[in-house]
Amino acid sequence: MACALIWLLVLQACGQTTDGAYDVMLKAMYSHTVPLLQPEQLDEQLGRSDKKPLLLDTRTPAEYKVSHLNGARFVAYDSFQVSQLADVPKNTPIVVYCAVGYRSERVGEQLQQAGYKNVHNLYGGIFEWVNQGYPVYNDSGKTDKVHAYSKTWGVWLREGEKVYDR
């Protein structure tokens, strides 16, 4: 984890990022406890009419308000309780996501421990989703805005319009 953060700071200082650098950072950050789902795989699943996955956005309310995946259910990482999903059968396909996938992996672990059998973490989070050209939405419809979490993490968001709280 420390190496990934140092690498992040070096790349930010140079003013550039690469897909390879993002992959290296993510591999170091993830615990690999929740199976990963690539953005293109999720897009394919969402395009099917049968058994679409339940999307869980695990970011903050401010991040979710700026934009989210279409149809995503908000479940804040900081206050997540498995009881929030009491209405969801344990065999439901679930895809969790956050900005880059760290917070969502923690929520995915909780779901697995509670007996949910088909939980995946969106690889690279909403950043990678947008970077690969997939759409995000807010209360008004489709948007180009994405909450970039912080200036440090926002370096990984190459597409869309970055939004910060401050």
C-alpha atoms as a PDB file:
ATOM      1  CA  MET A   1       0.000   0.000   0.000  1.00  0.00           C
ATOM      2  CA  ALA A   2       2.782   2.436   0.893  1.00  0.00           C
ATOM      3  CA  CYS A   3       4.551   1.767  -2.409  1.00  0.00           C
ATOM      4  CA  ALA A   4       1.342   2.434  -4.324  1.00  0.00           C
ATOM      5  CA  LEU A   5       0.835   5.747  -2.545  1.00  0.00           C
ATOM      6  CA  ILE A   6       4.436   6.802  -3.194  1.00  0.00           C
ATOM      7  CA  TRP A   7       3.975   5.860  -6.848  1.00  0.00           C
ATOM      8  CA  LEU A   8       0.752   7.919  -6.926  1.00  0.00           C
ATOM      9  CA  LEU A   9       2.540  10.962  -5.536  1.00  0.00           C
ATOM     10  CA  VAL A  10       5.449  10.607  -7.958  1.00  0.00           C
ATOM     11  CA  LEU A  11       3.070  10.395 -10.917  1.00  0.00           C
ATOM     12  CA  GLN A  12       1.050  13.330  -9.671  1.00  0.00           C
ATOM     13  CA  ALA A  13       4.218  15.381  -9.261  1.00  0.00           C
ATOM     14  CA  CYS A  14       5.125  14.584 -12.857  1.00  0.00           C
ATOM     15  CA  GLY A  15       1.652  15.625 -13.943  1.00  0.00           C
ATOM     16  CA  GLN A  16       0.921  12.397 -15.754  1.00  0.00           C
ATOM     17  CA  THR A  17      -0.733   9.050 -15.236  1.00  0.00           C
ATOM     18  CA  THR A  18      -0.951   5.935 -17.326  1.00  0.00           C
ATOM     19  CA  ASP A  19      -3.355   3.037 -17.434  1.00  0.00           C
ATOM     20  CA  GLY A  20      -0.466   0.821 -16.347  1.00  0.00           C
ATOM     21  CA  ALA A  21       0.242   3.003 -13.329  1.00  0.00           C
ATOM     22  CA  TYR A  22      -3.433   2.918 -12.347  1.00  0.00           C
ATOM     23  CA  ASP A  23      -3.424  -0.874 -12.616  1.00  0.00           C
ATOM     24  CA  VAL A  24      -0.318  -1.115 -10.431  1.00  0.00           C
ATOM     25  CA  MET A  25      -1.850   1.177  -7.820  1.00  0.00           C
ATOM     26  CA  LEU A  26      -5.123  -0.752  -7.768  1.00  0.00           C
ATOM     27  CA  LYS A  27      -3.413  -4.138  -7.490  1.00  0.00           C
ATOM     28  CA  ALA A  28      -1.444  -2.878  -4.494  1.00  0.00           C
ATOM     29  CA  MET A  29      -4.501  -1.301  -2.862  1.00  0.00           C
ATOM     30  CA  TYR A  30      -6.987  -4.148  -3.270  1.00  0.00           C
ATOM     31  CA  SER A  31      -7.053  -7.041  -0.821  1.00  0.00           C
ATOM     32  CA  HIS A  32      -8.422  -9.265  -3.620  1.00  0.00           C
ATOM     33  CA  THR A  33     -11.102 -10.638  -1.303  1.00  0.00           C
ATOM     34  CA  VAL A  34     -14.036  -9.689  -3.545  1.00  0.00           C
ATOM     35  CA  PRO A  35     -14.014 -10.804  -7.192  1.00  0.00           C
ATOM     36  CA  LEU A  36     -13.453  -7.949  -9.612  1.00  0.00           C
ATOM     37  CA  LEU A  37     -15.730  -7.098 -12.509  1.00  0.00           C
ATOM     38  CA  GLN A  38     -14.328  -5.082 -15.397  1.00  0.00           C
ATOM     39  CA  PRO A  39     -16.369  -2.088 -16.617  1.00  0.00           C
ATOM     40  CA  GLU A  40     -17.028  -3.737 -19.983  1.00  0.00           C
ATOM     41  CA  GLN A  41     -18.333  -6.858 -18.218  1.00  0.00           C
ATOM     42  CA  LEU A  42     -20.691  -4.760 -16.107  1.00  0.00           C
ATOM     43  CA  ASP A  43     -21.895  -2.867 -19.161  1.00  0.00           C
ATOM     44  CA  GLU A  44     -22.666  -6.196 -20.820  1.00  0.00           C
ATOM     45  CA  GLN A  45     -24.589  -7.401 -17.752  1.00  0.00           C
ATOM     46  CA  LEU A  46     -26.550  -4.153 -17.563  1.00  0.00           C
ATOM     47  CA  GLY A  47     -27.521  -4.536 -21.222  1.00  0.00           C
ATOM     48  CA  ARG A  48     -29.240  -7.843 -20.593  1.00  0.00           C
ATOM     49  CA  SER A  49     -32.892  -7.883 -19.671  1.00  0.00           C
ATOM     50  CA  ASP A  50     -32.593 -10.840 -17.303  1.00  0.00           C
ATOM     51  CA  LYS A  51     -30.810 -10.808 -13.950  1.00  0.00           C
ATOM     52  CA  LYS A  52     -29.324  -7.336 -14.003  1.00  0.00           C
ATOM     53  CA  PRO A  53     -27.071  -6.871 -10.981  1.00  0.00           C
ATOM     54  CA  LEU A  54     -27.976  -4.653  -8.062  1.00  0.00           C
ATOM     55  CA  LEU A  55     -25.536  -1.725  -8.132  1.00  0.00           C
ATOM     56  CA  LEU A  56     -24.432  -0.402  -4.740  1.00  0.00           C
ATOM     57  CA  ASP A  57     -22.698   2.972  -4.602  1.00  0.00           C
ATOM     58  CA  THR A  58     -20.602   3.005  -1.432  1.00  0.00           C
ATOM     59  CA  ARG A  59     -19.313   6.579  -1.665  1.00  0.00           C
ATOM     60  CA  THR A  60     -20.327   9.644   0.333  1.00  0.00           C
ATOM     61  CA  PRO A  61     -23.644  11.447  -0.202  1.00  0.00           C
ATOM     62  CA  ALA A  62     -21.781  14.330  -1.885  1.00  0.00           C
ATOM     63  CA  GLU A  63     -20.068  11.981  -4.331  1.00  0.00           C
ATOM     64  CA  TYR A  64     -23.318  10.169  -5.142  1.00  0.00           C
ATOM     65  CA  LYS A  65     -25.195  13.449  -5.675  1.00  0.00           C
ATOM     66  CA  VAL A  66     -22.691  14.615  -8.318  1.00  0.00           C
ATOM     67  CA  SER A  67     -23.105  11.404 -10.329  1.00  0.00           C
ATOM     68  CA  HIS A  68     -23.523   7.658 -10.074  1.00  0.00           C
ATOM     69  CA  LEU A  69     -24.149   4.640 -12.248  1.00  0.00           C
ATOM     70  CA  ASN A  70     -27.682   4.540 -13.586  1.00  0.00           C
ATOM     71  CA  GLY A  71     -29.991   2.768 -11.156  1.00  0.00           C
ATOM     72  CA  ALA A  72     -27.409   2.499  -8.377  1.00  0.00           C
ATOM     73  CA  ARG A  73     -28.614   2.229  -4.810  1.00  0.00           C
ATOM     74  CA  PHE A  74     -26.771   4.473  -2.357  1.00  0.00           C
ATOM     75  CA  VAL A  75     -25.239   2.760   0.699  1.00  0.00           C
ATOM     76  CA  ALA A  76     -22.630   4.963   2.358  1.00  0.00           C
ATOM     77  CA  TYR A  77     -19.359   3.232   3.211  1.00  0.00           C
ATOM     78  CA  ASP A  78     -19.019   5.093   6.514  1.00  0.00           C
ATOM     79  CA  SER A  79     -22.400   3.968   7.820  1.00  0.00           C
ATOM     80  CA  PHE A  80     -23.069   0.786   5.852  1.00  0.00           C
ATOM     81  CA  GLN A  81     -25.025  -1.931   7.632  1.00  0.00           C
ATOM     82  CA  VAL A  82     -25.882  -5.247   5.973  1.00  0.00           C
ATOM     83  CA  SER A  83     -29.405  -4.785   7.352  1.00  0.00           C
ATOM     84  CA  GLN A  84     -29.874  -2.088   4.677  1.00  0.00           C
ATOM     85  CA  LEU A  85     -30.177  -4.979   2.221  1.00  0.00           C
ATOM     86  CA  ALA A  86     -32.724  -7.029   4.184  1.00  0.00           C
ATOM     87  CA  ASP A  87     -34.989  -6.907   1.108  1.00  0.00           C
ATOM     88  CA  VAL A  88     -32.292  -8.399  -1.167  1.00  0.00           C
ATOM     89  CA  PRO A  89     -32.113 -12.206  -1.557  1.00  0.00           C
ATOM     90  CA  LYS A  90     -28.671 -13.692  -0.826  1.00  0.00           C
ATOM     91  CA  ASN A  91     -28.302 -15.036  -4.389  1.00  0.00           C
ATOM     92  CA  THR A  92     -28.861 -11.629  -6.053  1.00  0.00           C
ATOM     93  CA  PRO A  93     -25.985 -10.518  -8.280  1.00  0.00           C
ATOM     94  CA  ILE A  94     -24.502  -7.438  -6.586  1.00  0.00           C
ATOM     95  CA  VAL A  95     -21.853  -5.049  -7.889  1.00  0.00           C
ATOM     96  CA  VAL A  96     -20.331  -2.618  -5.395  1.00  0.00           C
ATOM     97  CA  TYR A  97     -18.351   0.433  -6.428  1.00  0.00           C
ATOM     98  CA  CYS A  98     -16.800   3.638  -5.092  1.00  0.00           C
ATOM     99  CA  ALA A  99     -14.298   6.075  -6.599  1.00  0.00           C
ATOM    100  CA  VAL A 100     -11.506   3.534  -7.228  1.00  0.00           C
ATOM    101  CA  GLY A 101     -12.688   0.333  -5.534  1.00  0.00           C
ATOM    102  CA  TYR A 102     -11.147   0.372  -2.052  1.00  0.00           C
ATOM    103  CA  ARG A 103     -14.198   1.346   0.007  1.00  0.00           C
ATOM    104  CA  SER A 104     -16.465  -0.834  -2.088  1.00  0.00           C
ATOM    105  CA  GLU A 105     -14.223  -3.838  -1.516  1.00  0.00           C
ATOM    106  CA  ARG A 106     -14.709  -3.403   2.257  1.00  0.00           C
ATOM    107  CA  VAL A 107     -18.511  -3.294   1.785  1.00  0.00           C
ATOM    108  CA  GLY A 108     -18.292  -6.341  -0.497  1.00  0.00           C
ATOM    109  CA  GLU A 109     -16.441  -8.229   2.240  1.00  0.00           C
ATOM    110  CA  GLN A 110     -19.246  -7.452   4.681  1.00  0.00           C
ATOM    111  CA  LEU A 111     -21.802  -8.730   2.187  1.00  0.00           C
ATOM    112  CA  GLN A 112     -19.857 -11.940   1.652  1.00  0.00           C
ATOM    113  CA  GLN A 113     -19.583 -12.480   5.406  1.00  0.00           C
ATOM    114  CA  ALA A 114     -23.361 -12.010   5.651  1.00  0.00           C
ATOM    115  CA  GLY A 115     -23.902 -14.810   3.135  1.00  0.00           C
ATOM    116  CA  TYR A 116     -24.343 -12.957  -0.148  1.00  0.00           C
ATOM    117  CA  LYS A 117     -23.048 -15.360  -2.788  1.00  0.00           C
ATOM    118  CA  ASN A 118     -22.687 -13.269  -5.943  1.00  0.00           C
ATOM    119  CA  VAL A 119     -20.831 -10.072  -5.001  1.00  0.00           C
ATOM    120  CA  HIS A 120     -18.375  -8.306  -7.310  1.00  0.00           C
ATOM    121  CA  ASN A 121     -16.336  -5.110  -7.001  1.00  0.00           C
ATOM    122  CA  LEU A 122     -16.214  -2.813 -10.038  1.00  0.00           C
ATOM    123  CA  TYR A 123     -12.568  -2.691 -11.094  1.00  0.00           C
ATOM    124  CA  GLY A 124     -11.237   0.848 -10.814  1.00  0.00           C
ATOM    125  CA  GLY A 125     -14.566   2.124  -9.488  1.00  0.00           C
ATOM    126  CA  ILE A 126     -16.512   4.943 -11.063  1.00  0.00           C
ATOM    127  CA  PHE A 127     -13.222   6.510 -12.221  1.00  0.00           C
ATOM    128  CA  GLU A 128     -12.432   3.574 -14.512  1.00  0.00           C
ATOM    129  CA  TRP A 129     -16.084   3.343 -15.584  1.00  0.00           C
ATOM    130  CA  VAL A 130     -15.961   6.961 -16.787  1.00  0.00           C
ATOM    131  CA  ASN A 131     -12.404   6.655 -18.131  1.00  0.00           C
ATOM    132  CA  GLN A 132     -13.632   3.880 -20.426  1.00  0.00           C
ATOM    133  CA  GLY A 133     -16.427   6.073 -21.729  1.00  0.00           C
ATOM    134  CA  TYR A 134     -19.427   4.695 -19.863  1.00  0.00           C
ATOM    135  CA  PRO A 135     -22.134   7.125 -18.714  1.00  0.00           C
ATOM    136  CA  VAL A 136     -22.978   8.431 -15.259  1.00  0.00           C
ATOM    137  CA  TYR A 137     -26.138  10.127 -14.044  1.00  0.00           C
ATOM    138  CA  ASN A 138     -27.468  12.510 -11.426  1.00  0.00           C
ATOM    139  CA  ASP A 139     -31.010  13.562 -10.486  1.00  0.00           C
ATOM    140  CA  SER A 140     -31.306  15.539 -13.745  1.00  0.00           C
ATOM    141  CA  GLY A 141     -30.161  12.698 -16.015  1.00  0.00           C
ATOM    142  CA  LYS A 142     -26.927  11.957 -17.827  1.00  0.00           C
ATOM    143  CA  THR A 143     -23.963  14.108 -16.791  1.00  0.00           C
ATOM    144  CA  ASP A 144     -20.243  14.495 -17.462  1.00  0.00           C
ATOM    145  CA  LYS A 145     -19.560  15.475 -13.852  1.00  0.00           C
ATOM    146  CA  VAL A 146     -17.765  13.072 -11.531  1.00  0.00           C
ATOM    147  CA  HIS A 147     -16.829  13.708  -7.929  1.00  0.00           C
ATOM    148  CA  ALA A 148     -13.061  13.216  -7.955  1.00  0.00           C
ATOM    149  CA  TYR A 149     -12.869  12.627  -4.155  1.00  0.00           C
ATOM    150  CA  SER A 150      -9.707  14.712  -3.676  1.00  0.00           C
ATOM    151  CA  LYS A 151      -6.982  16.364  -5.752  1.00  0.00           C
ATOM    152  CA  THR A 152      -4.681  13.442  -4.937  1.00  0.00           C
ATOM    153  CA  TRP A 153      -7.140  10.770  -6.078  1.00  0.00           C
ATOM    154  CA  GLY A 154      -8.578  12.895  -8.879  1.00  0.00           C
ATOM    155  CA  VAL A 155      -5.368  12.392 -10.868  1.00  0.00           C
ATOM    156  CA  TRP A 156      -6.722   8.953 -11.816  1.00  0.00           C
ATOM    157  CA  LEU A 157      -9.898  10.401 -13.359  1.00  0.00           C
ATOM    158  CA  ARG A 158      -8.893  11.207 -16.968  1.00  0.00           C
ATOM    159  CA  GLU A 159     -12.369  11.694 -18.461  1.00  0.00           C
ATOM    160  CA  GLY A 160     -15.398  13.675 -17.393  1.00  0.00           C
ATOM    161  CA  GLU A 161     -15.585  16.935 -15.496  1.00  0.00           C
ATOM    162  CA  LYS A 162     -13.944  16.698 -12.071  1.00  0.00           C
ATOM    163  CA  VAL A 163     -15.933  18.049  -9.136  1.00  0.00           C
ATOM    164  CA  TYR A 164     -14.546  18.620  -5.632  1.00  0.00           C
ATOM    165  CA  ASP A 165     -16.296  19.641  -2.416  1.00  0.00           C
ATOM    166  CA  ARG A 166     -14.026  22.623  -1.990  1.00  0.00           C
END
